[in-house]
Protein backbone atom coordinates (compact mmCIF):
# COMPACT_ATOMS: atom_id res chain seq x y z
CA UNK A 1 -2.49 -15.28 0.36
CA UNK A 2 -1.48 -12.02 -1.76
CA UNK A 3 -4.22 -9.46 -1.11
CA UNK A 4 -4.97 -6.86 -3.60
CA UNK A 5 -3.04 -3.54 -3.42
CA UNK A 6 -4.05 0.27 -4.77
CA UNK A 7 -2.08 3.09 -6.49
CA UNK A 8 -4.15 6.19 -6.34
CA UNK A 9 -3.38 9.14 -8.79
CA UNK A 10 -5.14 12.48 -7.65
CA UNK A 11 -5.21 15.46 -9.95
CA UNK A 12 -6.45 18.76 -11.27
CA UNK A 13 -5.63 20.26 -14.34
CA UNK A 14 -6.24 23.50 -16.08
CA UNK A 15 -9.30 23.97 -17.99
CA UNK A 16 -7.83 24.81 -21.08
CA UNK A 17 -5.54 21.44 -20.92
CA UNK A 18 -8.53 19.14 -19.84
CA UNK A 19 -9.47 17.50 -23.36
CA UNK A 20 -5.85 16.61 -23.94
CA UNK A 21 -5.19 15.74 -20.38
CA UNK A 22 -8.23 13.00 -20.46
CA UNK A 23 -7.45 11.94 -24.18
CA UNK A 24 -3.84 11.36 -23.32
CA UNK A 25 -4.59 9.76 -19.96
CA UNK A 26 -7.55 7.24 -21.72
CA UNK A 27 -5.00 6.25 -24.53
CA UNK A 28 -1.36 6.14 -23.90
CA UNK A 29 -1.51 5.91 -20.02
CA UNK A 30 -4.17 3.14 -20.28
CA UNK A 31 -1.92 1.34 -23.02
CA UNK A 32 1.29 1.80 -20.65
CA UNK A 33 -0.25 0.77 -17.58
CA UNK A 34 -2.01 -2.51 -19.57
CA UNK A 35 1.81 -3.64 -19.82
CA UNK A 36 2.82 -3.10 -16.23
CA UNK A 37 3.14 -6.71 -14.21
CA UNK A 38 0.88 -7.38 -11.27
CA UNK A 39 -1.66 -4.65 -12.82
CA UNK A 40 -5.15 -5.91 -12.53
CA UNK A 41 -6.84 -3.05 -13.83
CA UNK A 42 -6.75 0.89 -14.15
CA UNK A 43 -10.06 2.98 -13.68
CA UNK A 44 -10.27 6.53 -13.69
CA UNK A 45 -12.70 8.51 -11.50
CA UNK A 46 -14.37 12.11 -11.13
CA UNK A 47 -15.94 13.29 -7.91
CA UNK A 48 -19.66 13.12 -7.27
CA UNK A 49 -21.46 15.41 -5.13
CA UNK A 50 -23.89 13.71 -2.72
CA UNK A 51 -25.99 15.17 0.24
CA UNK A 52 -24.40 12.78 3.12
CA UNK A 53 -26.09 14.52 6.13
CA UNK A 54 -23.82 15.62 9.27
CA UNK A 55 -20.38 14.42 7.65
CA UNK A 56 -19.95 15.75 3.95
CA UNK A 57 -17.20 15.48 2.56
CA UNK A 58 -15.31 18.22 0.19
CA UNK A 59 -13.20 16.57 -2.81
CA UNK A 60 -10.59 19.22 -3.91
CA UNK A 61 -9.24 16.97 -6.75
CA UNK A 62 -10.96 17.02 -9.93
CA UNK A 63 -9.84 13.38 -11.45
CA UNK A 64 -9.05 9.86 -9.64
CA UNK A 65 -6.90 7.29 -11.00
CA UNK A 66 -7.07 3.90 -9.39
CA UNK A 67 -4.17 1.12 -10.34
CA UNK A 68 -4.96 -2.22 -8.92
CA UNK A 69 -2.30 -4.37 -8.20
CA UNK A 70 -2.35 -8.54 -7.48
CA UNK A 71 -0.70 -7.62 -4.22
CA UNK A 72 1.59 -5.23 -2.52
CA UNK A 73 4.75 -6.75 -3.50
CA UNK A 74 3.61 -5.89 -7.32
CA UNK A 75 2.61 -2.55 -6.37
CA UNK A 76 6.16 -2.08 -4.42
CA UNK A 77 7.67 -3.25 -7.81
CA UNK A 78 6.13 -0.87 -9.57
CA UNK A 79 6.66 2.13 -7.18
CA UNK A 80 10.50 1.13 -7.49
CA UNK A 81 10.67 0.62 -11.31
CA UNK A 82 11.97 2.50 -14.56
CA UNK A 83 8.41 2.51 -15.66
CA UNK A 84 6.98 4.46 -13.13
CA UNK A 85 9.81 6.78 -13.83
CA UNK A 86 9.26 6.88 -17.21
CA UNK A 87 5.77 7.52 -16.83
CA UNK A 88 6.21 10.29 -14.24
CA UNK A 89 8.44 11.97 -16.65
CA UNK A 90 6.25 11.83 -19.33
CA UNK A 91 3.67 13.30 -17.58
CA UNK A 92 5.80 15.95 -16.28
CA UNK A 93 7.12 16.85 -19.88
CA UNK A 94 3.29 17.25 -21.06
CA UNK A 95 1.72 18.62 -17.89
CA UNK A 96 3.69 20.36 -15.31
CA UNK A 97 2.60 23.56 -14.36
CA UNK A 98 -0.98 22.88 -15.61
CA UNK A 99 -2.26 21.54 -12.70
CA UNK A 100 -1.42 19.71 -9.35
CA UNK A 101 -1.25 15.71 -7.94
CA UNK A 102 -0.87 14.02 -5.26
CA UNK A 103 -0.07 9.68 -4.99
CA UNK A 104 -1.49 7.69 -2.47
CA UNK A 105 -0.68 3.81 -1.75
CA UNK A 106 -2.91 1.16 -0.19
CA UNK A 107 -3.02 -2.10 0.81
CA UNK A 108 -6.35 -4.36 1.29
CA UNK A 109 -7.06 -5.39 4.96
CA UNK A 110 -10.35 -6.51 4.59
CA UNK A 111 -11.62 -9.72 3.61
């Protein structure tokens, strides 16, 4: 049985580009993501500060987008695709130098 896998992108963006960044992500990027084979969902998040006691974390990123794939194989196919390359080029053309980002991938291990 295939288990879901996640592709996570965390980003910060300069305040003067933030509105443009959010509009672009919520429209153009969301439409592109909807056409990716094996992608189940794309969701965007912003951090929430909580008082969690002795082990508080600190999130240095302003935004996180989670792409949920039906399987690790689908995620790997996307990671090696011309689609991701084109998406990356588009992002760089629009926002290079206006912030920072990091990418992460996860496979489900339970249940």
